Amino acid sequence: MKRSLVPGVPTLGLSSALLTLSLCGIARADDAPTPTPYRPNVTLPAALSAPGYLEIEAGGLQIGDMAGGAKRSSLPYAVKLAFSEDWGIRLTGEAYARLSADGQASLSGGGDTSVVLKRRFEVDKGSAFGLELGLNGNTAKTGLGADSSSATLNGIYSIDVAEGWHVDSNLNITHFRNTSDGLSSDMWGASAALSRTLSEKWGVLFEVSGTRRSGTDSTAQGLVAASYTVSSHLILDFGGARSLRSGPSNWTVFGGLTWLGPKLF
C-alpha cells in the first residue's frame, strides 16, 4: 500500500479528470516512477515523491458524532514536488470545508493552508529517517480552521519489517502563535502506521495516532484504510477512523486519490 504509504469521496469531476490524465500518461516510458501516497492516514513516510514530478493528492472526508451533534465535511488536497530523493516541498490544505450542528446555521468556505519543507536521511535500502518543518496559515474562516497560525516540526522513521510489510512512525510538536487562556501554545502528536501489500493492486493499512495539549483533552484515534492501484500513475484509497477515547465517539469516513503528474525537470 505505502511503499512507504498515506480523507470522503472525491468529486466526480475531479476524479474523472485525473483518471483521464492518468490513462493518457500511458505513453510515458515503462520505467517511469509510481505515486508515493501520503494519504489518507495521519502518519507520514520518510520517502518523498518521485524527484522532478508533480504529484497531487485529493479527496474528501466527513467527521460525524462530534460534540453538540456537529458534523464536518471537507475536501483536503496536497501538491508535492521533490527536488531529489532527499529534499522536497508540499502545499496542503482544504479546498472546501463545511461545519454543521443541530439547530445552528452551517459554516462553509476554504480551509487552512500549509507549506512543508522535507528532508530524508537514508539509513539503508529498507529504512530511513525524515524531518519536516511546516508553516500553517489560518486562511480558513473562524470556526473552520485552527484560528491561529502555527509551525510544526515532525520527526519520521520508516522501515520495511518483512516482505510486503512496512512501518512508519511520527513524533511532532506544533507551536501555535495565538492561544486562548489556559491553553498551551504547544501540542505534541504521535502516530504509527503498519501497511501491508496484498497484491499488485491492493494494500491495507492500520494506524493509531493521538495528540496531547495542556488545557484541553488529549485525543486518540484508530484508522483502517485500503488502497487500489488503478495504473502506474493513479492510486485510490478509502477507509474510516474512530476515536479511541471516552466521550463523543467521533467517526470519520474518507476516500481519495494520489496522482503522479508530469515531469517538470
C-alpha atoms as a PDB file:
ATOM      1  CA  MET A   1       0.000   0.000   0.000  1.00  0.00           C
ATOM      2  CA  LYS A   2       2.545   2.508   1.020  1.00  0.00           C
ATOM      3  CA  ARG A   3       5.857   1.794  -0.275  1.00  0.00           C
ATOM      4  CA  SER A   4       6.418   3.968   2.320  1.00  0.00           C
ATOM      5  CA  LEU A   5       2.200   4.830   2.310  1.00  0.00           C
ATOM      6  CA  VAL A   6      -0.961   7.969   3.320  1.00  0.00           C
ATOM      7  CA  PRO A   7      -9.800  11.654   3.730  1.00  0.00           C
ATOM      8  CA  GLY A   8     -14.872  11.209   1.974  1.00  0.00           C
ATOM      9  CA  VAL A   9     -15.358  10.712  -1.605  1.00  0.00           C
ATOM     10  CA  PRO A  10     -13.644  12.858  -4.236  1.00  0.00           C
ATOM     11  CA  THR A  11     -15.906  14.828  -6.520  1.00  0.00           C
ATOM     12  CA  LEU A  12     -16.852  13.052  -9.733  1.00  0.00           C
ATOM     13  CA  GLY A  13     -15.433  15.794 -11.939  1.00  0.00           C
ATOM     14  CA  LEU A  14     -12.037  15.808 -10.239  1.00  0.00           C
ATOM     15  CA  SER A  15     -11.782  12.016 -10.224  1.00  0.00           C
ATOM     16  CA  SER A  16     -12.763  11.779 -13.911  1.00  0.00           C
ATOM     17  CA  ALA A  17     -10.277  14.445 -14.930  1.00  0.00           C
ATOM     18  CA  LEU A  18      -7.370  12.869 -13.094  1.00  0.00           C
ATOM     19  CA  LEU A  19      -8.302   9.395 -14.325  1.00  0.00           C
ATOM     20  CA  THR A  20      -8.288  10.655 -17.915  1.00  0.00           C
ATOM     21  CA  LEU A  21      -4.907  12.303 -17.415  1.00  0.00           C
ATOM     22  CA  SER A  22      -3.597   9.120 -15.854  1.00  0.00           C
ATOM     23  CA  LEU A  23      -4.721   6.965 -18.766  1.00  0.00           C
ATOM     24  CA  CYS A  24      -3.259   9.452 -21.217  1.00  0.00           C
ATOM     25  CA  GLY A  25       0.044   9.160 -19.385  1.00  0.00           C
ATOM     26  CA  ILE A  26       0.430   5.533 -20.516  1.00  0.00           C
ATOM     27  CA  ALA A  27       2.554   6.820 -23.360  1.00  0.00           C
ATOM     28  CA  ARG A  28       5.334   7.606 -20.905  1.00  0.00           C
ATOM     29  CA  ALA A  29       8.309   5.324 -20.522  1.00  0.00           C
ATOM     30  CA  ASP A  30       7.752   1.962 -18.888  1.00  0.00           C
ATOM     31  CA  ASP A  31      10.358   2.774 -16.238  1.00  0.00           C
ATOM     32  CA  ALA A  32       8.501   5.930 -15.118  1.00  0.00           C
ATOM     33  CA  PRO A  33       8.124   6.183 -11.326  1.00  0.00           C
ATOM     34  CA  THR A  34       4.900   5.484  -9.463  1.00  0.00           C
ATOM     35  CA  PRO A  35       2.973   7.609  -6.924  1.00  0.00           C
ATOM     36  CA  THR A  36       4.065   7.851  -3.287  1.00  0.00           C
ATOM     37  CA  PRO A  37       0.820   8.315  -1.299  1.00  0.00           C
ATOM     38  CA  TYR A  38       0.901  10.256   1.959  1.00  0.00           C
ATOM     39  CA  ARG A  39      -2.870   9.995   2.416  1.00  0.00           C
ATOM     40  CA  PRO A  40      -5.275   9.019   3.849  1.00  0.00           C
ATOM     41  CA  ASN A  41      -3.707   8.479   7.265  1.00  0.00           C
ATOM     42  CA  VAL A  42      -2.028  10.831   9.731  1.00  0.00           C
ATOM     43  CA  THR A  43       1.411   9.186   9.758  1.00  0.00           C
ATOM     44  CA  LEU A  44       3.788  10.361   7.042  1.00  0.00           C
ATOM     45  CA  PRO A  45       6.578   8.279   5.445  1.00  0.00           C
ATOM     46  CA  ALA A  46      10.208   9.313   5.195  1.00  0.00           C
ATOM     47  CA  ALA A  47      10.106   8.824   1.406  1.00  0.00           C
ATOM     48  CA  LEU A  48       9.438  11.694  -0.955  1.00  0.00           C
ATOM     49  CA  SER A  49       7.541  11.597  -4.227  1.00  0.00           C
ATOM     50  CA  ALA A  50       9.450  10.991  -7.482  1.00  0.00           C
ATOM     51  CA  PRO A  51      12.055  13.752  -7.976  1.00  0.00           C
ATOM     52  CA  GLY A  52      11.082  16.283 -10.610  1.00  0.00           C
ATOM     53  CA  TYR A  53       7.485  15.072 -10.934  1.00  0.00           C
ATOM     54  CA  LEU A  54       4.428  16.995  -9.801  1.00  0.00           C
ATOM     55  CA  GLU A  55       2.266  14.793  -7.571  1.00  0.00           C
ATOM     56  CA  ILE A  56      -1.271  15.643  -6.479  1.00  0.00           C
ATOM     57  CA  GLU A  57      -3.457  14.184  -3.733  1.00  0.00           C
ATOM     58  CA  ALA A  58      -7.151  14.957  -3.391  1.00  0.00           C
ATOM     59  CA  GLY A  59     -10.187  13.505  -1.682  1.00  0.00           C
ATOM     60  CA  GLY A  60     -12.997  14.122   0.735  1.00  0.00           C
ATOM     61  CA  LEU A  61     -13.817  13.196   4.294  1.00  0.00           C
ATOM     62  CA  GLN A  62     -16.619  13.555   6.791  1.00  0.00           C
ATOM     63  CA  ILE A  63     -16.377  13.617  10.571  1.00  0.00           C
ATOM     64  CA  GLY A  64     -19.569  12.827  12.479  1.00  0.00           C
ATOM     65  CA  ASP A  65     -20.847  12.478  16.050  1.00  0.00           C
ATOM     66  CA  MET A  66     -18.816  15.455  17.209  1.00  0.00           C
ATOM     67  CA  ALA A  67     -19.673  17.382  20.370  1.00  0.00           C
ATOM     68  CA  GLY A  68     -23.088  19.031  20.089  1.00  0.00           C
ATOM     69  CA  GLY A  69     -24.108  16.782  17.205  1.00  0.00           C
ATOM     70  CA  ALA A  70     -21.814  18.620  14.801  1.00  0.00           C
ATOM     71  CA  LYS A  71     -20.576  17.194  11.500  1.00  0.00           C
ATOM     72  CA  ARG A  72     -17.673  18.411   9.402  1.00  0.00           C
ATOM     73  CA  SER A  73     -17.061  17.692   5.718  1.00  0.00           C
ATOM     74  CA  SER A  74     -14.001  18.766   3.762  1.00  0.00           C
ATOM     75  CA  LEU A  75     -12.040  18.347   0.527  1.00  0.00           C
ATOM     76  CA  PRO A  76      -8.355  18.082   1.501  1.00  0.00           C
ATOM     77  CA  TYR A  77      -5.571  18.327  -1.062  1.00  0.00           C
ATOM     78  CA  ALA A  78      -1.783  18.194  -1.306  1.00  0.00           C
ATOM     79  CA  VAL A  79       0.593  19.260  -4.082  1.00  0.00           C
ATOM     80  CA  LYS A  80       4.037  17.675  -3.769  1.00  0.00           C
ATOM     81  CA  LEU A  81       7.327  18.295  -5.536  1.00  0.00           C
ATOM     82  CA  ALA A  82      10.637  16.605  -4.687  1.00  0.00           C
ATOM     83  CA  PHE A  83      13.889  18.161  -5.879  1.00  0.00           C
ATOM     84  CA  SER A  84      15.816  14.958  -5.168  1.00  0.00           C
ATOM     85  CA  GLU A  85      15.331  11.726  -3.251  1.00  0.00           C
ATOM     86  CA  ASP A  86      16.200  13.638  -0.071  1.00  0.00           C
ATOM     87  CA  TRP A  87      14.667  17.120  -0.433  1.00  0.00           C
ATOM     88  CA  GLY A  88      11.142  18.226  -1.262  1.00  0.00           C
ATOM     89  CA  ILE A  89       8.256  20.606  -0.542  1.00  0.00           C
ATOM     90  CA  ARG A  90       4.481  20.316  -0.483  1.00  0.00           C
ATOM     91  CA  LEU A  91       1.465  22.566  -0.237  1.00  0.00           C
ATOM     92  CA  THR A  92      -1.514  21.200   1.706  1.00  0.00           C
ATOM     93  CA  GLY A  93      -4.920  22.488   2.692  1.00  0.00           C
ATOM     94  CA  GLU A  94      -8.664  22.136   2.287  1.00  0.00           C
ATOM     95  CA  ALA A  95     -10.240  23.351  -0.942  1.00  0.00           C
ATOM     96  CA  TYR A  96     -13.601  23.421   0.857  1.00  0.00           C
ATOM     97  CA  ALA A  97     -14.914  22.712   4.356  1.00  0.00           C
ATOM     98  CA  ARG A  98     -18.420  22.727   5.855  1.00  0.00           C
ATOM     99  CA  LEU A  99     -19.375  22.570   9.527  1.00  0.00           C
ATOM    100  CA  SER A 100     -22.966  21.936  10.593  1.00  0.00           C
ATOM    101  CA  ALA A 101     -24.572  21.402  14.006  1.00  0.00           C
ATOM    102  CA  ASP A 102     -28.070  20.638  15.243  1.00  0.00           C
ATOM    103  CA  GLY A 103     -30.148  23.803  15.454  1.00  0.00           C
ATOM    104  CA  GLN A 104     -27.364  26.057  14.160  1.00  0.00           C
ATOM    105  CA  ALA A 105     -26.557  27.643  10.822  1.00  0.00           C
ATOM    106  CA  SER A 106     -23.840  25.847   8.862  1.00  0.00           C
ATOM    107  CA  LEU A 107     -20.441  27.396   8.195  1.00  0.00           C
ATOM    108  CA  SER A 108     -18.535  26.794   4.956  1.00  0.00           C
ATOM    109  CA  GLY A 109     -15.544  28.023   2.971  1.00  0.00           C
ATOM    110  CA  GLY A 110     -11.914  27.262   2.293  1.00  0.00           C
ATOM    111  CA  GLY A 111      -9.683  25.709   4.951  1.00  0.00           C
ATOM    112  CA  ASP A 112      -6.253  26.426   6.361  1.00  0.00           C
ATOM    113  CA  THR A 113      -3.155  26.197   4.136  1.00  0.00           C
ATOM    114  CA  SER A 114       0.297  24.812   4.986  1.00  0.00           C
ATOM    115  CA  VAL A 115       3.706  24.778   3.315  1.00  0.00           C
ATOM    116  CA  VAL A 116       6.090  21.960   4.334  1.00  0.00           C
ATOM    117  CA  LEU A 117       9.814  21.507   3.702  1.00  0.00           C
ATOM    118  CA  LYS A 118      11.012  17.895   3.946  1.00  0.00           C
ATOM    119  CA  ARG A 119      14.421  16.248   4.338  1.00  0.00           C
ATOM    120  CA  ARG A 120      15.070  12.493   4.112  1.00  0.00           C
ATOM    121  CA  PHE A 121      18.039  10.667   5.656  1.00  0.00           C
ATOM    122  CA  GLU A 122      18.585   7.162   4.278  1.00  0.00           C
ATOM    123  CA  VAL A 123      19.839   4.535   6.708  1.00  0.00           C
ATOM    124  CA  ASP A 124      19.864   1.580   4.335  1.00  0.00           C
ATOM    125  CA  LYS A 125      17.733   0.195   1.494  1.00  0.00           C
ATOM    126  CA  GLY A 126      14.843  -0.650   3.833  1.00  0.00           C
ATOM    127  CA  SER A 127      14.839   2.208   6.339  1.00  0.00           C
ATOM    128  CA  ALA A 128      15.140   5.983   6.553  1.00  0.00           C
ATOM    129  CA  PHE A 129      14.594   8.939   8.843  1.00  0.00           C
ATOM    130  CA  GLY A 130      12.732  12.093   7.842  1.00  0.00           C
ATOM    131  CA  LEU A 131      12.418  15.621   9.179  1.00  0.00           C
ATOM    132  CA  GLU A 132       9.731  18.123   8.232  1.00  0.00           C
ATOM    133  CA  LEU A 133       9.169  21.798   9.008  1.00  0.00           C
ATOM    134  CA  GLY A 134       5.657  23.008   8.269  1.00  0.00           C
ATOM    135  CA  LEU A 135       4.182  26.506   8.453  1.00  0.00           C
ATOM    136  CA  ASN A 136       0.394  26.725   8.686  1.00  0.00           C
ATOM    137  CA  GLY A 137      -1.570  29.875   7.835  1.00  0.00           C
ATOM    138  CA  ASN A 138      -5.024  30.309   9.335  1.00  0.00           C
ATOM    139  CA  THR A 139      -6.649  31.058   5.980  1.00  0.00           C
ATOM    140  CA  ALA A 140      -9.979  29.490   6.974  1.00  0.00           C
ATOM    141  CA  LYS A 141     -12.997  31.305   8.378  1.00  0.00           C
ATOM    142  CA  THR A 142     -13.249  31.440  12.150  1.00  0.00           C
ATOM    143  CA  GLY A 143     -14.587  28.086  13.312  1.00  0.00           C
ATOM    144  CA  LEU A 144     -13.394  26.132  10.248  1.00  0.00           C
ATOM    145  CA  GLY A 145      -9.666  26.086  10.957  1.00  0.00           C
ATOM    146  CA  ALA A 146      -7.133  26.374  13.740  1.00  0.00           C
ATOM    147  CA  ASP A 147      -7.857  30.099  14.318  1.00  0.00           C
ATOM    148  CA  SER A 148      -4.098  30.631  14.688  1.00  0.00           C
ATOM    149  CA  SER A 149      -1.019  30.372  12.519  1.00  0.00           C
ATOM    150  CA  SER A 150       1.403  27.669  13.663  1.00  0.00           C
ATOM    151  CA  ALA A 151       4.660  25.882  12.960  1.00  0.00           C
ATOM    152  CA  THR A 152       5.191  22.103  13.153  1.00  0.00           C
ATOM    153  CA  LEU A 153       8.389  20.096  13.445  1.00  0.00           C
ATOM    154  CA  ASN A 154       7.835  16.419  12.582  1.00  0.00           C
ATOM    155  CA  GLY A 155      10.291  13.568  13.036  1.00  0.00           C
ATOM    156  CA  ILE A 156       9.787  10.411  10.954  1.00  0.00           C
ATOM    157  CA  TYR A 157      11.146   6.874  10.920  1.00  0.00           C
ATOM    158  CA  SER A 158      10.197   4.368   8.211  1.00  0.00           C
ATOM    159  CA  ILE A 159      11.252   0.736   7.887  1.00  0.00           C
ATOM    160  CA  ASP A 160      10.406  -2.382   5.884  1.00  0.00           C
ATOM    161  CA  VAL A 161       9.904  -5.007   8.600  1.00  0.00           C
ATOM    162  CA  ALA A 162       9.268  -8.008   6.318  1.00  0.00           C
ATOM    163  CA  GLU A 163       8.382  -8.745   2.706  1.00  0.00           C
ATOM    164  CA  GLY A 164       5.245  -6.717   1.944  1.00  0.00           C
ATOM    165  CA  TRP A 165       5.131  -5.151   5.435  1.00  0.00           C
ATOM    166  CA  HIS A 166       6.092  -1.555   6.209  1.00  0.00           C
ATOM    167  CA  VAL A 167       6.014   0.664   9.326  1.00  0.00           C
ATOM    168  CA  ASP A 168       6.006   4.469   9.535  1.00  0.00           C
ATOM    169  CA  SER A 169       6.166   6.355  12.849  1.00  0.00           C
ATOM    170  CA  ASN A 170       5.950  10.082  13.592  1.00  0.00           C
ATOM    171  CA  LEU A 171       6.618  12.309  16.589  1.00  0.00           C
ATOM    172  CA  ASN A 172       5.883  16.009  16.225  1.00  0.00           C
ATOM    173  CA  ILE A 173       5.343  19.264  18.063  1.00  0.00           C
ATOM    174  CA  THR A 174       3.191  22.166  16.860  1.00  0.00           C
ATOM    175  CA  HIS A 175       3.607  25.682  18.221  1.00  0.00           C
ATOM    176  CA  PHE A 176       0.563  27.975  17.907  1.00  0.00           C
ATOM    177  CA  ARG A 177       1.129  31.705  17.643  1.00  0.00           C
ATOM    178  CA  ASN A 178      -2.120  32.680  19.393  1.00  0.00           C
ATOM    179  CA  THR A 179      -3.802  30.735  22.189  1.00  0.00           C
ATOM    180  CA  SER A 180      -6.801  31.058  24.491  1.00  0.00           C
ATOM    181  CA  ASP A 181      -6.469  31.479  28.250  1.00  0.00           C
ATOM    182  CA  GLY A 182      -5.399  28.220  29.887  1.00  0.00           C
ATOM    183  CA  LEU A 183      -4.488  26.575  26.571  1.00  0.00           C
ATOM    184  CA  SER A 184      -0.871  25.672  25.937  1.00  0.00           C
ATOM    185  CA  SER A 185       0.806  27.121  22.872  1.00  0.00           C
ATOM    186  CA  ASP A 186       2.428  23.729  22.163  1.00  0.00           C
ATOM    187  CA  MET A 187       0.779  20.470  21.093  1.00  0.00           C
ATOM    188  CA  TRP A 188       2.528  17.099  20.861  1.00  0.00           C
ATOM    189  CA  GLY A 189       1.469  14.446  18.375  1.00  0.00           C
ATOM    190  CA  ALA A 190       2.483  10.818  17.850  1.00  0.00           C
ATOM    191  CA  SER A 191       1.373   8.152  15.379  1.00  0.00           C
ATOM    192  CA  ALA A 192       2.365   4.797  13.934  1.00  0.00           C
ATOM    193  CA  ALA A 193       1.079   3.034  10.804  1.00  0.00           C
ATOM    194  CA  LEU A 194       1.510  -0.570   9.682  1.00  0.00           C
ATOM    195  CA  SER A 195       0.874  -1.178   5.981  1.00  0.00           C
ATOM    196  CA  ARG A 196       0.695  -4.439   4.074  1.00  0.00           C
ATOM    197  CA  THR A 197       0.848  -5.081   0.331  1.00  0.00           C
ATOM    198  CA  LEU A 198      -1.736  -7.764  -0.518  1.00  0.00           C
ATOM    199  CA  SER A 199      -1.246  -7.942  -4.275  1.00  0.00           C
ATOM    200  CA  GLU A 200      -0.120  -5.909  -7.256  1.00  0.00           C
ATOM    201  CA  LYS A 201      -3.291  -3.810  -6.946  1.00  0.00           C
ATOM    202  CA  TRP A 202      -4.391  -3.921  -3.289  1.00  0.00           C
ATOM    203  CA  GLY A 203      -2.929  -2.823   0.021  1.00  0.00           C
ATOM    204  CA  VAL A 204      -4.207  -2.231   3.565  1.00  0.00           C
ATOM    205  CA  LEU A 205      -3.115  -0.009   6.425  1.00  0.00           C
ATOM    206  CA  PHE A 206      -3.734   0.139  10.190  1.00  0.00           C
ATOM    207  CA  GLU A 207      -2.859   3.175  12.292  1.00  0.00           C
ATOM    208  CA  VAL A 208      -3.081   4.614  15.808  1.00  0.00           C
ATOM    209  CA  SER A 209      -2.482   8.307  16.472  1.00  0.00           C
ATOM    210  CA  GLY A 210      -3.039  10.903  19.162  1.00  0.00           C
ATOM    211  CA  THR A 211      -2.290  14.404  20.437  1.00  0.00           C
ATOM    212  CA  ARG A 212      -1.619  15.955  23.830  1.00  0.00           C
ATOM    213  CA  ARG A 213      -2.018  19.643  24.687  1.00  0.00           C
ATOM    214  CA  SER A 214      -2.283  21.214  28.142  1.00  0.00           C
ATOM    215  CA  GLY A 215      -5.595  22.925  28.737  1.00  0.00           C
ATOM    216  CA  THR A 216      -7.666  20.566  26.587  1.00  0.00           C
ATOM    217  CA  ASP A 217      -8.464  16.854  26.332  1.00  0.00           C
ATOM    218  CA  SER A 218      -5.961  14.540  24.701  1.00  0.00           C
ATOM    219  CA  THR A 219      -7.030  12.716  21.552  1.00  0.00           C
ATOM    220  CA  ALA A 220      -6.557   9.132  20.351  1.00  0.00           C
ATOM    221  CA  GLN A 221      -7.724   7.604  17.069  1.00  0.00           C
ATOM    222  CA  GLY A 222      -7.681   4.265  15.283  1.00  0.00           C
ATOM    223  CA  LEU A 223      -7.767   4.119  11.486  1.00  0.00           C
ATOM    224  CA  VAL A 224      -8.179   1.399   8.855  1.00  0.00           C
ATOM    225  CA  ALA A 225      -7.707   2.053   5.136  1.00  0.00           C
ATOM    226  CA  ALA A 226      -7.307   0.232   1.834  1.00  0.00           C
ATOM    227  CA  SER A 227      -5.681   1.287  -1.428  1.00  0.00           C
ATOM    228  CA  TYR A 228      -6.218   0.203  -5.040  1.00  0.00           C
ATOM    229  CA  THR A 229      -3.704   0.849  -7.818  1.00  0.00           C
ATOM    230  CA  VAL A 230      -5.609   1.843 -10.963  1.00  0.00           C
ATOM    231  CA  SER A 231      -2.495   2.380 -13.072  1.00  0.00           C
ATOM    232  CA  SER A 232       1.163   3.251 -12.697  1.00  0.00           C
ATOM    233  CA  HIS A 233       0.075   6.884 -12.280  1.00  0.00           C
ATOM    234  CA  LEU A 234      -3.036   6.656 -10.088  1.00  0.00           C
ATOM    235  CA  ILE A 235      -3.804   5.109  -6.675  1.00  0.00           C
ATOM    236  CA  LEU A 236      -7.217   5.268  -4.982  1.00  0.00           C
ATOM    237  CA  ASP A 237      -7.848   4.938  -1.230  1.00  0.00           C
ATOM    238  CA  PHE A 238     -10.795   4.649   1.150  1.00  0.00           C
ATOM    239  CA  GLY A 239     -11.441   3.799   4.795  1.00  0.00           C
ATOM    240  CA  GLY A 240     -12.579   5.023   8.173  1.00  0.00           C
ATOM    241  CA  ALA A 241     -11.413   6.079  11.632  1.00  0.00           C
ATOM    242  CA  ARG A 242     -12.867   6.368  15.101  1.00  0.00           C
ATOM    243  CA  SER A 243     -11.950   7.996  18.396  1.00  0.00           C
ATOM    244  CA  LEU A 244     -10.427   5.604  20.931  1.00  0.00           C
ATOM    245  CA  ARG A 245     -11.189   7.767  23.960  1.00  0.00           C
ATOM    246  CA  SER A 246     -14.278   8.161  26.126  1.00  0.00           C
ATOM    247  CA  GLY A 247     -16.699  10.962  25.263  1.00  0.00           C
ATOM    248  CA  PRO A 248     -18.202  11.638  21.811  1.00  0.00           C
ATOM    249  CA  SER A 249     -17.472   8.599  19.611  1.00  0.00           C
ATOM    250  CA  ASN A 250     -16.226  10.626  16.672  1.00  0.00           C
ATOM    251  CA  TRP A 251     -16.150   8.661  13.431  1.00  0.00           C
ATOM    252  CA  THR A 252     -14.592   9.566  10.107  1.00  0.00           C
ATOM    253  CA  VAL A 253     -15.105   8.184   6.594  1.00  0.00           C
ATOM    254  CA  PHE A 254     -12.878   9.150   3.679  1.00  0.00           C
ATOM    255  CA  GLY A 255     -11.808   8.371   0.153  1.00  0.00           C
ATOM    256  CA  GLY A 256      -9.458   9.918  -2.354  1.00  0.00           C
ATOM    257  CA  LEU A 257      -6.582   9.533  -4.792  1.00  0.00           C
ATOM    258  CA  THR A 258      -2.894  10.125  -5.421  1.00  0.00           C
ATOM    259  CA  TRP A 259      -1.949  11.051  -8.980  1.00  0.00           C
ATOM    260  CA  LEU A 260       1.587  11.201 -10.372  1.00  0.00           C
ATOM    261  CA  GLY A 261       1.572  14.133 -12.779  1.00  0.00           C
ATOM    262  CA  PRO A 262       4.008  15.423 -15.412  1.00  0.00           C
ATOM    263  CA  LYS A 263       7.763  15.639 -15.061  1.00  0.00           C
ATOM    264  CA  LEU A 264       8.757  19.268 -14.534  1.00  0.00           C
ATOM    265  CA  PHE A 265      12.537  18.900 -14.559  1.00  0.00           C
END
